[in-house]
Every structure is written in C-alpha cells, then in structure tokens.
Amino acid sequence: MENLQSIEQFEELKNGEHTIFVFSADWCVDCRVIDPILPTIEENYADYHFVKIDRDKFIDLCVELDIYGIPSFLAYAKGNEVGRFVSKDRKTQQEIEAFIDSLKA
C-alpha cells in the first residue's frame, strides 16, 4: 500500500476514480491488527487505489477531515467524498469489506 507523502499528493489522489485513504499510526494497536488483512482487501478490491495516511505526520489533514479515531477509512471518487468508516474501534475484514461494498450501492 502506498504511503501519502504530501498534502498536494492527497489533493491529487482524491480526484482519482476510486481512492480509499486508510488513516493509521505506528503506535495504534488496532491499526497493527488490520495490517495483515489489508493486502487481501487491496487484492479483492483492485478497482480501488488504497493509500495509507500516517495520522501523526498529517494531523492537520485529519482535523480538517474530522478523522479523530483510527484506524479509519475515507473514500473519494473524482474529488468527492463518497463514504467514510471513521471510528476509534477495531475493524474486522468483514466490516471493512462491507464498507467498500456499500460504496458501490
């Protein structure tokens, strides 16, 4: 999974067809729990571009986007937010996939 490098890159990527931003941090235990399943999710949803955002490196962006809990997921299509799965709760593969499936509805 690609790691976000700059705010400019975020602005560019959110204008893509289907981008899902994964908000995480090295110290986040629940984020570490889902790390092993993320490659499978990326493979199962190959029509989405997944980008990891380190909450600590982009705290101002998190505040701007109302991302106060991690791990969290924010989906964009052509510059518009099309879905969010934002909370501080641990997420299962089934919950993450249900969120992505809901984007197609």
PDB file of N, CA and C in Angstrom:
ATOM      1  N   MET A   1       0.852  -1.174   0.000  1.00  0.00           N
ATOM      2  CA  MET A   1       0.000   0.000   0.000  1.00  0.00           C
ATOM      3  C   MET A   1       0.899   1.239   0.000  1.00  0.00           C
ATOM      4  N   GLU A   2       0.538   2.156  -0.829  1.00  0.00           N
ATOM      5  CA  GLU A   2       1.274   3.417  -0.948  1.00  0.00           C
ATOM      6  C   GLU A   2       1.058   4.268   0.300  1.00  0.00           C
ATOM      7  N   ASN A   3       2.107   4.975   0.722  1.00  0.00           N
ATOM      8  CA  ASN A   3       2.014   5.914   1.846  1.00  0.00           C
ATOM      9  C   ASN A   3       1.934   7.334   1.318  1.00  0.00           C
ATOM     10  N   LEU A   4       1.029   8.111   1.897  1.00  0.00           N
ATOM     11  CA  LEU A   4       0.899   9.509   1.495  1.00  0.00           C
ATOM     12  C   LEU A   4       2.172  10.270   1.847  1.00  0.00           C
ATOM     13  N   GLN A   5       2.636  11.089   0.903  1.00  0.00           N
ATOM     14  CA  GLN A   5       3.872  11.844   1.094  1.00  0.00           C
ATOM     15  C   GLN A   5       3.640  13.333   1.324  1.00  0.00           C
ATOM     16  N   SER A   6       2.512  13.868   0.841  1.00  0.00           N
ATOM     17  CA  SER A   6       2.290  15.308   0.952  1.00  0.00           C
ATOM     18  C   SER A   6       0.799  15.636   0.827  1.00  0.00           C
ATOM     19  N   ILE A   7       0.450  16.832   1.274  1.00  0.00           N
ATOM     20  CA  ILE A   7      -0.931  17.322   1.124  1.00  0.00           C
ATOM     21  C   ILE A   7      -1.262  17.460  -0.361  1.00  0.00           C
ATOM     22  N   GLU A   8      -0.285  17.891  -1.149  1.00  0.00           N
ATOM     23  CA  GLU A   8      -0.505  18.030  -2.596  1.00  0.00           C
ATOM     24  C   GLU A   8      -0.848  16.685  -3.215  1.00  0.00           C
ATOM     25  N   GLN A   9      -0.171  15.644  -2.765  1.00  0.00           N
ATOM     26  CA  GLN A   9      -0.464  14.300  -3.258  1.00  0.00           C
ATOM     27  C   GLN A   9      -1.880  13.879  -2.853  1.00  0.00           C
ATOM     28  N   PHE A  10      -2.291  14.203  -1.636  1.00  0.00           N
ATOM     29  CA  PHE A  10      -3.655  13.895  -1.189  1.00  0.00           C
ATOM     30  C   PHE A  10      -4.675  14.549  -2.118  1.00  0.00           C
ATOM     31  N   GLU A  11      -4.463  15.833  -2.407  1.00  0.00           N
ATOM     32  CA  GLU A  11      -5.389  16.571  -3.277  1.00  0.00           C
ATOM     33  C   GLU A  11      -5.466  15.930  -4.660  1.00  0.00           C
ATOM     34  N   GLU A  12      -4.333  15.489  -5.155  1.00  0.00           N
ATOM     35  CA  GLU A  12      -4.294  14.846  -6.472  1.00  0.00           C
ATOM     36  C   GLU A  12      -4.994  13.485  -6.443  1.00  0.00           C
ATOM     37  N   LEU A  13      -4.699  12.690  -5.419  1.00  0.00           N
ATOM     38  CA  LEU A  13      -5.257  11.336  -5.340  1.00  0.00           C
ATOM     39  C   LEU A  13      -6.765  11.335  -5.098  1.00  0.00           C
ATOM     40  N   LYS A  14      -7.263  12.292  -4.342  1.00  0.00           N
ATOM     41  CA  LYS A  14      -8.709  12.296  -4.071  1.00  0.00           C
ATOM     42  C   LYS A  14      -9.517  12.609  -5.331  1.00  0.00           C
ATOM     43  N   ASN A  15      -8.865  13.128  -6.339  1.00  0.00           N
ATOM     44  CA  ASN A  15      -9.538  13.416  -7.607  1.00  0.00           C
ATOM     45  C   ASN A  15      -9.541  12.222  -8.557  1.00  0.00           C
ATOM     46  N   GLY A  16      -8.971  11.104  -8.128  1.00  0.00           N
ATOM     47  CA  GLY A  16      -8.957   9.900  -8.948  1.00  0.00           C
ATOM     48  C   GLY A  16     -10.327   9.249  -9.024  1.00  0.00           C
ATOM     49  N   GLU A  17     -10.398   8.165  -9.773  1.00  0.00           N
ATOM     50  CA  GLU A  17     -11.668   7.442  -9.947  1.00  0.00           C
ATOM     51  C   GLU A  17     -12.194   6.884  -8.624  1.00  0.00           C
ATOM     52  N   HIS A  18     -11.383   6.075  -7.952  1.00  0.00           N
ATOM     53  CA  HIS A  18     -11.795   5.420  -6.702  1.00  0.00           C
ATOM     54  C   HIS A  18     -10.584   5.323  -5.787  1.00  0.00           C
ATOM     55  N   THR A  19     -10.547   6.164  -4.774  1.00  0.00           N
ATOM     56  CA  THR A  19      -9.424   6.154  -3.845  1.00  0.00           C
ATOM     57  C   THR A  19      -9.948   5.973  -2.433  1.00  0.00           C
ATOM     58  N   ILE A  20      -9.311   5.064  -1.700  1.00  0.00           N
ATOM     59  CA  ILE A  20      -9.643   4.867  -0.294  1.00  0.00           C
ATOM     60  C   ILE A  20      -8.402   5.193   0.522  1.00  0.00           C
ATOM     61  N   PHE A  21      -8.550   6.179   1.404  1.00  0.00           N
ATOM     62  CA  PHE A  21      -7.469   6.568   2.290  1.00  0.00           C
ATOM     63  C   PHE A  21      -7.637   5.811   3.607  1.00  0.00           C
ATOM     64  N   VAL A  22      -6.545   5.203   4.062  1.00  0.00           N
ATOM     65  CA  VAL A  22      -6.535   4.434   5.304  1.00  0.00           C
ATOM     66  C   VAL A  22      -5.722   5.228   6.320  1.00  0.00           C
ATOM     67  N   PHE A  23      -6.385   5.726   7.347  1.00  0.00           N
ATOM     68  CA  PHE A  23      -5.722   6.519   8.379  1.00  0.00           C
ATOM     69  C   PHE A  23      -5.231   5.594   9.482  1.00  0.00           C
ATOM     70  N   SER A  24      -3.958   5.752   9.827  1.00  0.00           N
ATOM     71  CA  SER A  24      -3.311   4.820  10.729  1.00  0.00           C
ATOM     72  C   SER A  24      -2.200   5.538  11.494  1.00  0.00           C
ATOM     73  N   ALA A  25      -1.549   4.821  12.407  1.00  0.00           N
ATOM     74  CA  ALA A  25      -0.366   5.331  13.107  1.00  0.00           C
ATOM     75  C   ALA A  25       0.435   4.133  13.614  1.00  0.00           C
ATOM     76  N   ASP A  26       1.725   4.314  13.716  1.00  0.00           N
ATOM     77  CA  ASP A  26       2.600   3.223  14.161  1.00  0.00           C
ATOM     78  C   ASP A  26       2.254   2.718  15.556  1.00  0.00           C
ATOM     79  N   TRP A  27       1.809   3.601  16.427  1.00  0.00           N
ATOM     80  CA  TRP A  27       1.541   3.241  17.812  1.00  0.00           C
ATOM     81  C   TRP A  27       0.151   2.633  18.020  1.00  0.00           C
ATOM     82  N   CYS A  28      -0.687   2.654  16.987  1.00  0.00           N
ATOM     83  CA  CYS A  28      -2.086   2.222  17.090  1.00  0.00           C
ATOM     84  C   CYS A  28      -2.190   0.693  17.033  1.00  0.00           C
ATOM     85  N   VAL A  29      -2.552   0.097  18.157  1.00  0.00           N
ATOM     86  CA  VAL A  29      -2.648  -1.364  18.243  1.00  0.00           C
ATOM     87  C   VAL A  29      -3.704  -1.901  17.272  1.00  0.00           C
ATOM     88  N   ASP A  30      -4.868  -1.261  17.213  1.00  0.00           N
ATOM     89  CA  ASP A  30      -5.931  -1.731  16.318  1.00  0.00           C
ATOM     90  C   ASP A  30      -5.520  -1.609  14.849  1.00  0.00           C
ATOM     91  N   CYS A  31      -4.678  -0.626  14.537  1.00  0.00           N
ATOM     92  CA  CYS A  31      -4.163  -0.487  13.166  1.00  0.00           C
ATOM     93  C   CYS A  31      -3.242  -1.654  12.839  1.00  0.00           C
ATOM     94  N   ARG A  32      -2.418  -2.056  13.798  1.00  0.00           N
ATOM     95  CA  ARG A  32      -1.494  -3.175  13.584  1.00  0.00           C
ATOM     96  C   ARG A  32      -2.278  -4.482  13.385  1.00  0.00           C
ATOM     97  N   VAL A  33      -3.422  -4.596  14.048  1.00  0.00           N
ATOM     98  CA  VAL A  33      -4.238  -5.811  13.931  1.00  0.00           C
ATOM     99  C   VAL A  33      -4.750  -5.975  12.501  1.00  0.00           C
ATOM    100  N   ILE A  34      -5.127  -4.870  11.837  1.00  0.00           N
ATOM    101  CA  ILE A  34      -5.669  -4.992  10.471  1.00  0.00           C
ATOM    102  C   ILE A  34      -4.582  -4.995   9.395  1.00  0.00           C
ATOM    103  N   ASP A  35      -3.350  -4.619   9.753  1.00  0.00           N
ATOM    104  CA  ASP A  35      -2.275  -4.583   8.752  1.00  0.00           C
ATOM    105  C   ASP A  35      -2.153  -5.877   7.943  1.00  0.00           C
ATOM    106  N   PRO A  36      -2.201  -7.063   8.572  1.00  0.00           N
ATOM    107  CA  PRO A  36      -2.053  -8.301   7.789  1.00  0.00           C
ATOM    108  C   PRO A  36      -3.197  -8.567   6.804  1.00  0.00           C
ATOM    109  N   ILE A  37      -4.383  -8.002   7.045  1.00  0.00           N
ATOM    110  CA  ILE A  37      -5.507  -8.260   6.144  1.00  0.00           C
ATOM    111  C   ILE A  37      -5.614  -7.231   5.019  1.00  0.00           C
ATOM    112  N   LEU A  38      -4.931  -6.113   5.152  1.00  0.00           N
ATOM    113  CA  LEU A  38      -5.051  -5.062   4.136  1.00  0.00           C
ATOM    114  C   LEU A  38      -4.602  -5.511   2.741  1.00  0.00           C
ATOM    115  N   PRO A  39      -3.500  -6.278   2.600  1.00  0.00           N
ATOM    116  CA  PRO A  39      -3.144  -6.735   1.242  1.00  0.00           C
ATOM    117  C   PRO A  39      -4.238  -7.579   0.587  1.00  0.00           C
ATOM    118  N   THR A  40      -4.922  -8.398   1.352  1.00  0.00           N
ATOM    119  CA  THR A  40      -6.020  -9.211   0.813  1.00  0.00           C
ATOM    120  C   THR A  40      -7.171  -8.314   0.382  1.00  0.00           C
ATOM    121  N   ILE A  41      -7.479  -7.322   1.187  1.00  0.00           N
ATOM    122  CA  ILE A  41      -8.553  -6.387   0.837  1.00  0.00           C
ATOM    123  C   ILE A  41      -8.184  -5.629  -0.435  1.00  0.00           C
ATOM    124  N   GLU A  42      -6.933  -5.181  -0.526  1.00  0.00           N
ATOM    125  CA  GLU A  42      -6.478  -4.489  -1.740  1.00  0.00           C
ATOM    126  C   GLU A  42      -6.628  -5.390  -2.960  1.00  0.00           C
ATOM    127  N   GLU A  43      -6.298  -6.649  -2.804  1.00  0.00           N
ATOM    128  CA  GLU A  43      -6.399  -7.607  -3.911  1.00  0.00           C
ATOM    129  C   GLU A  43      -7.860  -7.846  -4.291  1.00  0.00           C
ATOM    130  N   ASN A  44      -8.730  -7.963  -3.295  1.00  0.00           N
ATOM    131  CA  ASN A  44     -10.149  -8.216  -3.547  1.00  0.00           C
ATOM    132  C   ASN A  44     -10.856  -7.013  -4.165  1.00  0.00           C
ATOM    133  N   TYR A  45     -10.310  -5.830  -3.965  1.00  0.00           N
ATOM    134  CA  TYR A  45     -10.917  -4.591  -4.472  1.00  0.00           C
ATOM    135  C   TYR A  45      -9.895  -3.836  -5.315  1.00  0.00           C
ATOM    136  N   ALA A  46      -9.435  -4.505  -6.353  1.00  0.00           N
ATOM    137  CA  ALA A  46      -8.362  -3.976  -7.198  1.00  0.00           C
ATOM    138  C   ALA A  46      -8.769  -2.722  -7.973  1.00  0.00           C
ATOM    139  N   ASP A  47     -10.074  -2.453  -8.078  1.00  0.00           N
ATOM    140  CA  ASP A  47     -10.508  -1.248  -8.792  1.00  0.00           C
ATOM    141  C   ASP A  47     -10.406   0.000  -7.913  1.00  0.00           C
ATOM    142  N   TYR A  48      -9.966  -0.181  -6.665  1.00  0.00           N
ATOM    143  CA  TYR A  48      -9.737   0.952  -5.759  1.00  0.00           C
ATOM    144  C   TYR A  48      -8.246   1.155  -5.551  1.00  0.00           C
ATOM    145  N   HIS A  49      -7.861   2.403  -5.399  1.00  0.00           N
ATOM    146  CA  HIS A  49      -6.485   2.772  -5.082  1.00  0.00           C
ATOM    147  C   HIS A  49      -6.440   3.044  -3.587  1.00  0.00           C
ATOM    148  N   PHE A  50      -5.666   2.265  -2.850  1.00  0.00           N
ATOM    149  CA  PHE A  50      -5.561   2.404  -1.408  1.00  0.00           C
ATOM    150  C   PHE A  50      -4.300   3.183  -1.052  1.00  0.00           C
ATOM    151  N   VAL A  51      -4.453   4.154  -0.157  1.00  0.00           N
ATOM    152  CA  VAL A  51      -3.334   4.990   0.264  1.00  0.00           C
ATOM    153  C   VAL A  51      -3.373   5.120   1.779  1.00  0.00           C
ATOM    154  N   LYS A  52      -2.259   4.799   2.423  1.00  0.00           N
ATOM    155  CA  LYS A  52      -2.185   4.896   3.877  1.00  0.00           C
ATOM    156  C   LYS A  52      -1.726   6.302   4.267  1.00  0.00           C
ATOM    157  N   ILE A  53      -2.395   6.867   5.270  1.00  0.00           N
ATOM    158  CA  ILE A  53      -2.050   8.188   5.791  1.00  0.00           C
ATOM    159  C   ILE A  53      -1.664   8.038   7.257  1.00  0.00           C
ATOM    160  N   ASP A  54      -0.440   8.424   7.568  1.00  0.00           N
ATOM    161  CA  ASP A  54       0.047   8.401   8.942  1.00  0.00           C
ATOM    162  C   ASP A  54      -0.559   9.582   9.691  1.00  0.00           C
ATOM    163  N   ARG A  55      -1.406   9.289  10.644  1.00  0.00           N
ATOM    164  CA  ARG A  55      -2.125  10.310  11.396  1.00  0.00           C
ATOM    165  C   ARG A  55      -1.165  11.313  12.033  1.00  0.00           C
ATOM    166  N   ASP A  56      -0.039  10.851  12.527  1.00  0.00           N
ATOM    167  CA  ASP A  56       0.897  11.738  13.215  1.00  0.00           C
ATOM    168  C   ASP A  56       1.611  12.692  12.249  1.00  0.00           C
ATOM    169  N   LYS A  57       1.838  12.262  11.027  1.00  0.00           N
ATOM    170  CA  LYS A  57       2.505  13.116  10.039  1.00  0.00           C
ATOM    171  C   LYS A  57       1.532  14.111   9.400  1.00  0.00           C
ATOM    172  N   PHE A  58       0.245  13.768   9.404  1.00  0.00           N
ATOM    173  CA  PHE A  58      -0.762  14.609   8.743  1.00  0.00           C
ATOM    174  C   PHE A  58      -1.909  14.944   9.690  1.00  0.00           C
ATOM    175  N   ILE A  59      -1.562  15.363  10.905  1.00  0.00           N
ATOM    176  CA  ILE A  59      -2.578  15.643  11.922  1.00  0.00           C
ATOM    177  C   ILE A  59      -3.509  16.776  11.493  1.00  0.00           C
ATOM    178  N   ASP A  60      -2.974  17.795  10.815  1.00  0.00           N
ATOM    179  CA  ASP A  60      -3.833  18.900  10.371  1.00  0.00           C
ATOM    180  C   ASP A  60      -4.860  18.425   9.346  1.00  0.00           C
ATOM    181  N   LEU A  61      -4.460  17.523   8.471  1.00  0.00           N
ATOM    182  CA  LEU A  61      -5.385  16.953   7.490  1.00  0.00           C
ATOM    183  C   LEU A  61      -6.465  16.142   8.214  1.00  0.00           C
ATOM    184  N   CYS A  62      -6.069  15.375   9.218  1.00  0.00           N
ATOM    185  CA  CYS A  62      -7.039  14.585   9.983  1.00  0.00           C
ATOM    186  C   CYS A  62      -8.070  15.492  10.659  1.00  0.00           C
ATOM    187  N   VAL A  63      -7.609  16.588  11.235  1.00  0.00           N
ATOM    188  CA  VAL A  63      -8.522  17.531  11.880  1.00  0.00           C
ATOM    189  C   VAL A  63      -9.473  18.117  10.839  1.00  0.00           C
ATOM    190  N   GLU A  64      -8.925  18.520   9.712  1.00  0.00           N
ATOM    191  CA  GLU A  64      -9.738  19.106   8.641  1.00  0.00           C
ATOM    192  C   GLU A  64     -10.813  18.133   8.155  1.00  0.00           C
ATOM    193  N   LEU A  65     -10.483  16.834   8.129  1.00  0.00           N
ATOM    194  CA  LEU A  65     -11.407  15.815   7.615  1.00  0.00           C
ATOM    195  C   LEU A  65     -12.243  15.149   8.715  1.00  0.00           C
ATOM    196  N   ASP A  66     -12.114  15.628   9.944  1.00  0.00           N
ATOM    197  CA  ASP A  66     -12.830  15.040  11.085  1.00  0.00           C
ATOM    198  C   ASP A  66     -12.489  13.568  11.299  1.00  0.00           C
ATOM    199  N   ILE A  67     -11.216  13.257  11.210  1.00  0.00           N
ATOM    200  CA  ILE A  67     -10.733  11.902  11.483  1.00  0.00           C
ATOM    201  C   ILE A  67     -10.134  11.936  12.883  1.00  0.00           C
ATOM    202  N   TYR A  68     -10.924  11.547  13.876  1.00  0.00           N
ATOM    203  CA  TYR A  68     -10.459  11.605  15.257  1.00  0.00           C
ATOM    204  C   TYR A  68     -10.217  10.224  15.853  1.00  0.00           C
ATOM    205  N   GLY A  69     -10.536   9.184  15.136  1.00  0.00           N
ATOM    206  CA  GLY A  69     -10.273   7.833  15.595  1.00  0.00           C
ATOM    207  C   GLY A  69      -9.601   7.050  14.492  1.00  0.00           C
ATOM    208  N   ILE A  70      -8.729   6.132  14.872  1.00  0.00           N
ATOM    209  CA  ILE A  70      -8.063   5.290  13.885  1.00  0.00           C
ATOM    210  C   ILE A  70      -8.097   3.848  14.370  1.00  0.00           C
ATOM    211  N   PRO A  71      -8.056   2.888  13.473  1.00  0.00           N
ATOM    212  CA  PRO A  71      -7.969   3.036  12.019  1.00  0.00           C
ATOM    213  C   PRO A  71      -9.295   3.523  11.435  1.00  0.00           C
ATOM    214  N   SER A  72      -9.184   4.341  10.410  1.00  0.00           N
ATOM    215  CA  SER A  72     -10.369   4.856   9.732  1.00  0.00           C
ATOM    216  C   SER A  72     -10.151   4.861   8.230  1.00  0.00           C
ATOM    217  N   PHE A  73     -11.260   4.846   7.503  1.00  0.00           N
ATOM    218  CA  PHE A  73     -11.233   4.771   6.047  1.00  0.00           C
ATOM    219  C   PHE A  73     -12.085   5.898   5.477  1.00  0.00           C
ATOM    220  N   LEU A  74     -11.549   6.566   4.463  1.00  0.00           N
ATOM    221  CA  LEU A  74     -12.246   7.660   3.800  1.00  0.00           C
ATOM    222  C   LEU A  74     -12.149   7.422   2.301  1.00  0.00           C
ATOM    223  N   ALA A  75     -13.298   7.378   1.623  1.00  0.00           N
ATOM    224  CA  ALA A  75     -13.332   7.070   0.193  1.00  0.00           C
ATOM    225  C   ALA A  75     -13.689   8.299  -0.626  1.00  0.00           C
ATOM    226  N   TYR A  76     -12.971   8.468  -1.740  1.00  0.00           N
ATOM    227  CA  TYR A  76     -13.209   9.576  -2.662  1.00  0.00           C
ATOM    228  C   TYR A  76     -13.371   9.041  -4.073  1.00  0.00           C
ATOM    229  N   ALA A  77     -14.161   9.752  -4.855  1.00  0.00           N
ATOM    230  CA  ALA A  77     -14.291   9.487  -6.287  1.00  0.00           C
ATOM    231  C   ALA A  77     -14.405  10.836  -6.979  1.00  0.00           C
ATOM    232  N   LYS A  78     -13.469  11.102  -7.855  1.00  0.00           N
ATOM    233  CA  LYS A  78     -13.469  12.339  -8.647  1.00  0.00           C
ATOM    234  C   LYS A  78     -13.614  13.596  -7.782  1.00  0.00           C
ATOM    235  N   GLY A  79     -12.880  13.622  -6.669  1.00  0.00           N
ATOM    236  CA  GLY A  79     -12.853  14.802  -5.822  1.00  0.00           C
ATOM    237  C   GLY A  79     -13.947  14.893  -4.780  1.00  0.00           C
ATOM    238  N   ASN A  80     -14.883  13.964  -4.793  1.00  0.00           N
ATOM    239  CA  ASN A  80     -15.995  13.989  -3.837  1.00  0.00           C
ATOM    240  C   ASN A  80     -15.875  12.852  -2.824  1.00  0.00           C
ATOM    241  N   GLU A  81     -16.138  13.173  -1.569  1.00  0.00           N
ATOM    242  CA  GLU A  81     -16.172  12.119  -0.558  1.00  0.00           C
ATOM    243  C   GLU A  81     -17.413  11.269  -0.815  1.00  0.00           C
ATOM    244  N   VAL A  82     -17.206   9.954  -0.940  1.00  0.00           N
ATOM    245  CA  VAL A  82     -18.324   9.061  -1.233  1.00  0.00           C
ATOM    246  C   VAL A  82     -18.612   8.092  -0.089  1.00  0.00           C
ATOM    247  N   GLY A  83     -17.764   8.107   0.944  1.00  0.00           N
ATOM    248  CA  GLY A  83     -18.015   7.241   2.078  1.00  0.00           C
ATOM    249  C   GLY A  83     -16.951   7.386   3.139  1.00  0.00           C
ATOM    250  N   ARG A  84     -17.360   7.112   4.382  1.00  0.00           N
ATOM    251  CA  ARG A  84     -16.400   7.148   5.480  1.00  0.00           C
ATOM    252  C   ARG A  84     -16.742   6.066   6.488  1.00  0.00           C
ATOM    253  N   PHE A  85     -15.712   5.443   6.985  1.00  0.00           N
ATOM    254  CA  PHE A  85     -15.811   4.435   8.029  1.00  0.00           C
ATOM    255  C   PHE A  85     -14.829   4.903   9.097  1.00  0.00           C
ATOM    256  N   VAL A  86     -15.302   5.824   9.926  1.00  0.00           N
ATOM    257  CA  VAL A  86     -14.437   6.543  10.848  1.00  0.00           C
ATOM    258  C   VAL A  86     -14.876   6.278  12.279  1.00  0.00           C
ATOM    259  N   SER A  87     -13.984   5.698  13.056  1.00  0.00           N
ATOM    260  CA  SER A  87     -14.202   5.497  14.485  1.00  0.00           C
ATOM    261  C   SER A  87     -12.886   5.033  15.093  1.00  0.00           C
ATOM    262  N   LYS A  88     -12.849   4.988  16.394  1.00  0.00           N
ATOM    263  CA  LYS A  88     -11.651   4.514  17.072  1.00  0.00           C
ATOM    264  C   LYS A  88     -11.711   3.008  17.318  1.00  0.00           C
ATOM    265  N   ASP A  89     -12.779   2.368  16.881  1.00  0.00           N
ATOM    266  CA  ASP A  89     -12.979   0.952  17.151  1.00  0.00           C
ATOM    267  C   ASP A  89     -12.148   0.071  16.222  1.00  0.00           C
ATOM    268  N   ARG A  90     -11.777  -1.092  16.731  1.00  0.00           N
ATOM    269  CA  ARG A  90     -11.099  -2.103  15.921  1.00  0.00           C
ATOM    270  C   ARG A  90     -12.057  -2.549  14.816  1.00  0.00           C
ATOM    271  N   LYS A  91     -11.515  -2.771  13.626  1.00  0.00           N
ATOM    272  CA  LYS A  91     -12.340  -3.163  12.490  1.00  0.00           C
ATOM    273  C   LYS A  91     -11.947  -4.551  12.004  1.00  0.00           C
ATOM    274  N   THR A  92     -12.943  -5.321  11.601  1.00  0.00           N
ATOM    275  CA  THR A  92     -12.684  -6.649  11.066  1.00  0.00           C
ATOM    276  C   THR A  92     -12.616  -6.572   9.541  1.00  0.00           C
ATOM    277  N   GLN A  93     -12.100  -7.614   8.938  1.00  0.00           N
ATOM    278  CA  GLN A  93     -12.066  -7.671   7.476  1.00  0.00           C
ATOM    279  C   GLN A  93     -13.473  -7.586   6.916  1.00  0.00           C
ATOM    280  N   GLN A  94     -14.427  -8.256   7.549  1.00  0.00           N
ATOM    281  CA  GLN A  94     -15.808  -8.238   7.082  1.00  0.00           C
ATOM    282  C   GLN A  94     -16.395  -6.821   7.142  1.00  0.00           C
ATOM    283  N   GLU A  95     -16.099  -6.086   8.208  1.00  0.00           N
ATOM    284  CA  GLU A  95     -16.612  -4.720   8.338  1.00  0.00           C
ATOM    285  C   GLU A  95     -16.000  -3.799   7.276  1.00  0.00           C
ATOM    286  N   ILE A  96     -14.713  -3.950   7.044  1.00  0.00           N
ATOM    287  CA  ILE A  96     -14.039  -3.122   6.038  1.00  0.00           C
ATOM    288  C   ILE A  96     -14.587  -3.429   4.651  1.00  0.00           C
ATOM    289  N   GLU A  97     -14.750  -4.708   4.340  1.00  0.00           N
ATOM    290  CA  GLU A  97     -15.282  -5.098   3.034  1.00  0.00           C
ATOM    291  C   GLU A  97     -16.738  -4.653   2.878  1.00  0.00           C
ATOM    292  N   ALA A  98     -17.520  -4.707   3.942  1.00  0.00           N
ATOM    293  CA  ALA A  98     -18.920  -4.234   3.879  1.00  0.00           C
ATOM    294  C   ALA A  98     -18.936  -2.727   3.587  1.00  0.00           C
ATOM    295  N   PHE A  99     -18.007  -1.984   4.188  1.00  0.00           N
ATOM    296  CA  PHE A  99     -17.906  -0.555   3.904  1.00  0.00           C
ATOM    297  C   PHE A  99     -17.596  -0.329   2.417  1.00  0.00           C
ATOM    298  N   ILE A 100     -16.620  -1.049   1.893  1.00  0.00           N
ATOM    299  CA  ILE A 100     -16.248  -0.877   0.478  1.00  0.00           C
ATOM    300  C   ILE A 100     -17.401  -1.294  -0.427  1.00  0.00           C
ATOM    301  N   ASP A 101     -18.070  -2.378  -0.085  1.00  0.00           N
ATOM    302  CA  ASP A 101     -19.230  -2.817  -0.874  1.00  0.00           C
ATOM    303  C   ASP A 101     -20.333  -1.745  -0.875  1.00  0.00           C
ATOM    304  N   SER A 102     -20.488  -1.040   0.225  1.00  0.00           N
ATOM    305  CA  SER A 102     -21.525  -0.011   0.316  1.00  0.00           C
ATOM    306  C   SER A 102     -21.240   1.170  -0.624  1.00  0.00           C
ATOM    307  N   LEU A 103     -19.996   1.343  -1.014  1.00  0.00           N
ATOM    308  CA  LEU A 103     -19.631   2.436  -1.911  1.00  0.00           C
ATOM    309  C   LEU A 103     -20.195   2.216  -3.300  1.00  0.00           C
ATOM    310  N   LYS A 104     -20.429   0.955  -3.649  1.00  0.00           N
ATOM    311  CA  LYS A 104     -20.925   0.613  -4.984  1.00  0.00           C
ATOM    312  C   LYS A 104     -22.430   0.733  -5.088  1.00  0.00           C
ATOM    313  N   ALA A 105     -23.101   0.849  -3.942  1.00  0.00           N
ATOM    314  CA  ALA A 105     -24.571   0.871  -3.919  1.00  0.00           C
ATOM    315  C   ALA A 105     -25.124   2.158  -4.488  1.00  0.00           C
TER     316      ALA A 105
END
